């Protein structure tokens, strides 16, 4: 692994740790009966979104490091097809509701 990859991994790890600590603090407040304001809800949504992308980046980075070129292409195709189906399903639910 080259120096820039190590630095990028360190940044992602720090971001993950910070977001996990932030969400732990928010969940602890909820456990103690604190009511969430709309601003708190937006912050929780933002932290969840950050965690989603950070975990996705981490997972894909690890796949690229451990897989052969052929297996990476297979995995990329699987992820792409899943993403298309998921996006379509979400769009249909938004359009038609839970029916």
C-alpha atoms as a PDB file:
ATOM      1  CA  UNK A   1       0.000   0.000   0.000  1.00  0.00           C
ATOM      2  CA  UNK A   2       1.410   3.382  -0.930  1.00  0.00           C
ATOM      3  CA  UNK A   3       1.657   6.392   1.375  1.00  0.00           C
ATOM      4  CA  UNK A   4      -1.425   8.150  -0.050  1.00  0.00           C
ATOM      5  CA  UNK A   5      -3.528   5.001   0.453  1.00  0.00           C
ATOM      6  CA  UNK A   6      -2.363   4.788   4.077  1.00  0.00           C
ATOM      7  CA  UNK A   7      -3.240   8.431   4.654  1.00  0.00           C
ATOM      8  CA  UNK A   8      -6.655   7.962   3.047  1.00  0.00           C
ATOM      9  CA  UNK A   9      -7.288   4.912   5.256  1.00  0.00           C
ATOM     10  CA  UNK A  10      -6.351   6.934   8.342  1.00  0.00           C
ATOM     11  CA  UNK A  11      -8.744   9.718   7.365  1.00  0.00           C
ATOM     12  CA  UNK A  12     -11.607   7.279   6.780  1.00  0.00           C
ATOM     13  CA  UNK A  13     -10.902   5.568  10.132  1.00  0.00           C
ATOM     14  CA  UNK A  14     -10.919   8.891  11.978  1.00  0.00           C
ATOM     15  CA  UNK A  15     -14.176   9.891  10.284  1.00  0.00           C
ATOM     16  CA  UNK A  16     -15.771   6.542  11.157  1.00  0.00           C
ATOM     17  CA  UNK A  17     -14.697   6.824  14.798  1.00  0.00           C
ATOM     18  CA  UNK A  18     -15.991  10.386  15.050  1.00  0.00           C
ATOM     19  CA  UNK A  19     -19.373   9.541  13.485  1.00  0.00           C
ATOM     20  CA  UNK A  20     -19.795   6.430  15.641  1.00  0.00           C
ATOM     21  CA  UNK A  21     -19.043   8.474  18.779  1.00  0.00           C
ATOM     22  CA  UNK A  22     -21.520  11.118  17.660  1.00  0.00           C
ATOM     23  CA  UNK A  23     -24.288   8.585  17.120  1.00  0.00           C
ATOM     24  CA  UNK A  24     -23.508   6.899  20.475  1.00  0.00           C
ATOM     25  CA  UNK A  25     -23.935  10.246  22.217  1.00  0.00           C
ATOM     26  CA  UNK A  26     -27.239  10.864  20.478  1.00  0.00           C
ATOM     27  CA  UNK A  27     -28.569   7.394  21.294  1.00  0.00           C
ATOM     28  CA  UNK A  28     -27.494   7.726  24.937  1.00  0.00           C
ATOM     29  CA  UNK A  29     -29.458  10.975  25.175  1.00  0.00           C
ATOM     30  CA  UNK A  30     -32.530   9.215  23.769  1.00  0.00           C
ATOM     31  CA  UNK A  31     -32.140   6.389  26.308  1.00  0.00           C
ATOM     32  CA  UNK A  32     -32.235   8.947  29.097  1.00  0.00           C
ATOM     33  CA  UNK A  33     -35.567  10.278  27.861  1.00  0.00           C
ATOM     34  CA  UNK A  34     -34.316  13.355  26.078  1.00  0.00           C
ATOM     35  CA  UNK A  35     -36.689  14.354  23.287  1.00  0.00           C
ATOM     36  CA  UNK A  36     -35.152  14.967  19.879  1.00  0.00           C
ATOM     37  CA  UNK A  37     -35.744  18.313  18.248  1.00  0.00           C
ATOM     38  CA  UNK A  38     -36.127  18.578  14.488  1.00  0.00           C
ATOM     39  CA  UNK A  39     -32.529  19.819  14.390  1.00  0.00           C
ATOM     40  CA  UNK A  40     -31.397  16.712  16.311  1.00  0.00           C
ATOM     41  CA  UNK A  41     -33.309  14.541  13.847  1.00  0.00           C
ATOM     42  CA  UNK A  42     -31.561  16.225  10.906  1.00  0.00           C
ATOM     43  CA  UNK A  43     -28.213  15.693  12.654  1.00  0.00           C
ATOM     44  CA  UNK A  44     -29.005  12.001  13.210  1.00  0.00           C
ATOM     45  CA  UNK A  45     -29.996  11.630   9.549  1.00  0.00           C
ATOM     46  CA  UNK A  46     -26.751  13.321   8.522  1.00  0.00           C
ATOM     47  CA  UNK A  47     -24.650  11.054  10.751  1.00  0.00           C
ATOM     48  CA  UNK A  48     -26.446   7.984   9.377  1.00  0.00           C
ATOM     49  CA  UNK A  49     -25.779   9.164   5.828  1.00  0.00           C
ATOM     50  CA  UNK A  50     -22.099   9.758   6.655  1.00  0.00           C
ATOM     51  CA  UNK A  51     -21.792   6.284   8.168  1.00  0.00           C
ATOM     52  CA  UNK A  52     -23.483   4.751   5.140  1.00  0.00           C
ATOM     53  CA  UNK A  53     -21.001   6.297   2.717  1.00  0.00           C
ATOM     54  CA  UNK A  54     -17.951   5.725   4.910  1.00  0.00           C
ATOM     55  CA  UNK A  55     -18.789   2.040   5.298  1.00  0.00           C
ATOM     56  CA  UNK A  56     -19.443   1.717   1.581  1.00  0.00           C
ATOM     57  CA  UNK A  57     -16.099   3.335   0.764  1.00  0.00           C
ATOM     58  CA  UNK A  58     -14.301   1.152   3.311  1.00  0.00           C
ATOM     59  CA  UNK A  59     -15.867  -2.031   2.001  1.00  0.00           C
ATOM     60  CA  UNK A  60     -15.180  -1.256  -1.634  1.00  0.00           C
ATOM     61  CA  UNK A  61     -11.606  -0.241  -0.856  1.00  0.00           C
ATOM     62  CA  UNK A  62     -11.025  -3.536   0.914  1.00  0.00           C
ATOM     63  CA  UNK A  63     -12.514  -5.428  -2.028  1.00  0.00           C
ATOM     64  CA  UNK A  64     -10.136  -3.721  -4.430  1.00  0.00           C
ATOM     65  CA  UNK A  65      -7.170  -4.554  -2.210  1.00  0.00           C
ATOM     66  CA  UNK A  66      -7.932  -8.263  -1.792  1.00  0.00           C
ATOM     67  CA  UNK A  67      -9.564  -9.238  -5.092  1.00  0.00           C
ATOM     68  CA  UNK A  68      -8.119 -10.093  -8.459  1.00  0.00           C
ATOM     69  CA  UNK A  69      -9.015  -7.937 -11.446  1.00  0.00           C
ATOM     70  CA  UNK A  70     -11.563 -10.488 -12.674  1.00  0.00           C
ATOM     71  CA  UNK A  71     -13.287 -10.865  -9.291  1.00  0.00           C
ATOM     72  CA  UNK A  72     -13.400  -7.083  -8.826  1.00  0.00           C
ATOM     73  CA  UNK A  73     -15.261  -6.747 -12.124  1.00  0.00           C
ATOM     74  CA  UNK A  74     -17.735  -9.465 -11.085  1.00  0.00           C
ATOM     75  CA  UNK A  75     -18.332  -7.773  -7.725  1.00  0.00           C
ATOM     76  CA  UNK A  76     -18.703  -4.358  -9.382  1.00  0.00           C
ATOM     77  CA  UNK A  77     -21.339  -5.809 -11.725  1.00  0.00           C
ATOM     78  CA  UNK A  78     -23.236  -7.402  -8.825  1.00  0.00           C
ATOM     79  CA  UNK A  79     -23.180  -4.150  -6.838  1.00  0.00           C
ATOM     80  CA  UNK A  80     -24.239  -2.115  -9.859  1.00  0.00           C
ATOM     81  CA  UNK A  81     -27.170  -4.433 -10.637  1.00  0.00           C
ATOM     82  CA  UNK A  82     -28.262  -4.463  -6.983  1.00  0.00           C
ATOM     83  CA  UNK A  83     -28.080  -0.658  -6.874  1.00  0.00           C
ATOM     84  CA  UNK A  84     -30.250  -0.361 -10.000  1.00  0.00           C
ATOM     85  CA  UNK A  85     -32.886  -2.721  -8.539  1.00  0.00           C
ATOM     86  CA  UNK A  86     -32.828  -0.989  -5.154  1.00  0.00           C
ATOM     87  CA  UNK A  87     -33.107   2.481  -6.680  1.00  0.00           C
ATOM     88  CA  UNK A  88     -36.010   1.338  -8.870  1.00  0.00           C
ATOM     89  CA  UNK A  89     -37.794  -0.226  -5.870  1.00  0.00           C
ATOM     90  CA  UNK A  90     -37.356   2.967  -3.833  1.00  0.00           C
ATOM     91  CA  UNK A  91     -38.670   5.089  -6.691  1.00  0.00           C
ATOM     92  CA  UNK A  92     -41.711   2.819  -7.041  1.00  0.00           C
ATOM     93  CA  UNK A  93     -42.442   3.016  -3.321  1.00  0.00           C
ATOM     94  CA  UNK A  94     -42.203   6.806  -3.402  1.00  0.00           C
ATOM     95  CA  UNK A  95     -44.472   6.924  -6.444  1.00  0.00           C
ATOM     96  CA  UNK A  96     -47.109   4.410  -5.330  1.00  0.00           C
ATOM     97  CA  UNK A  97     -46.642   4.154  -1.552  1.00  0.00           C
ATOM     98  CA  UNK A  98     -46.607   0.914   0.423  1.00  0.00           C
ATOM     99  CA  UNK A  99     -49.810  -0.330  -1.251  1.00  0.00           C
END
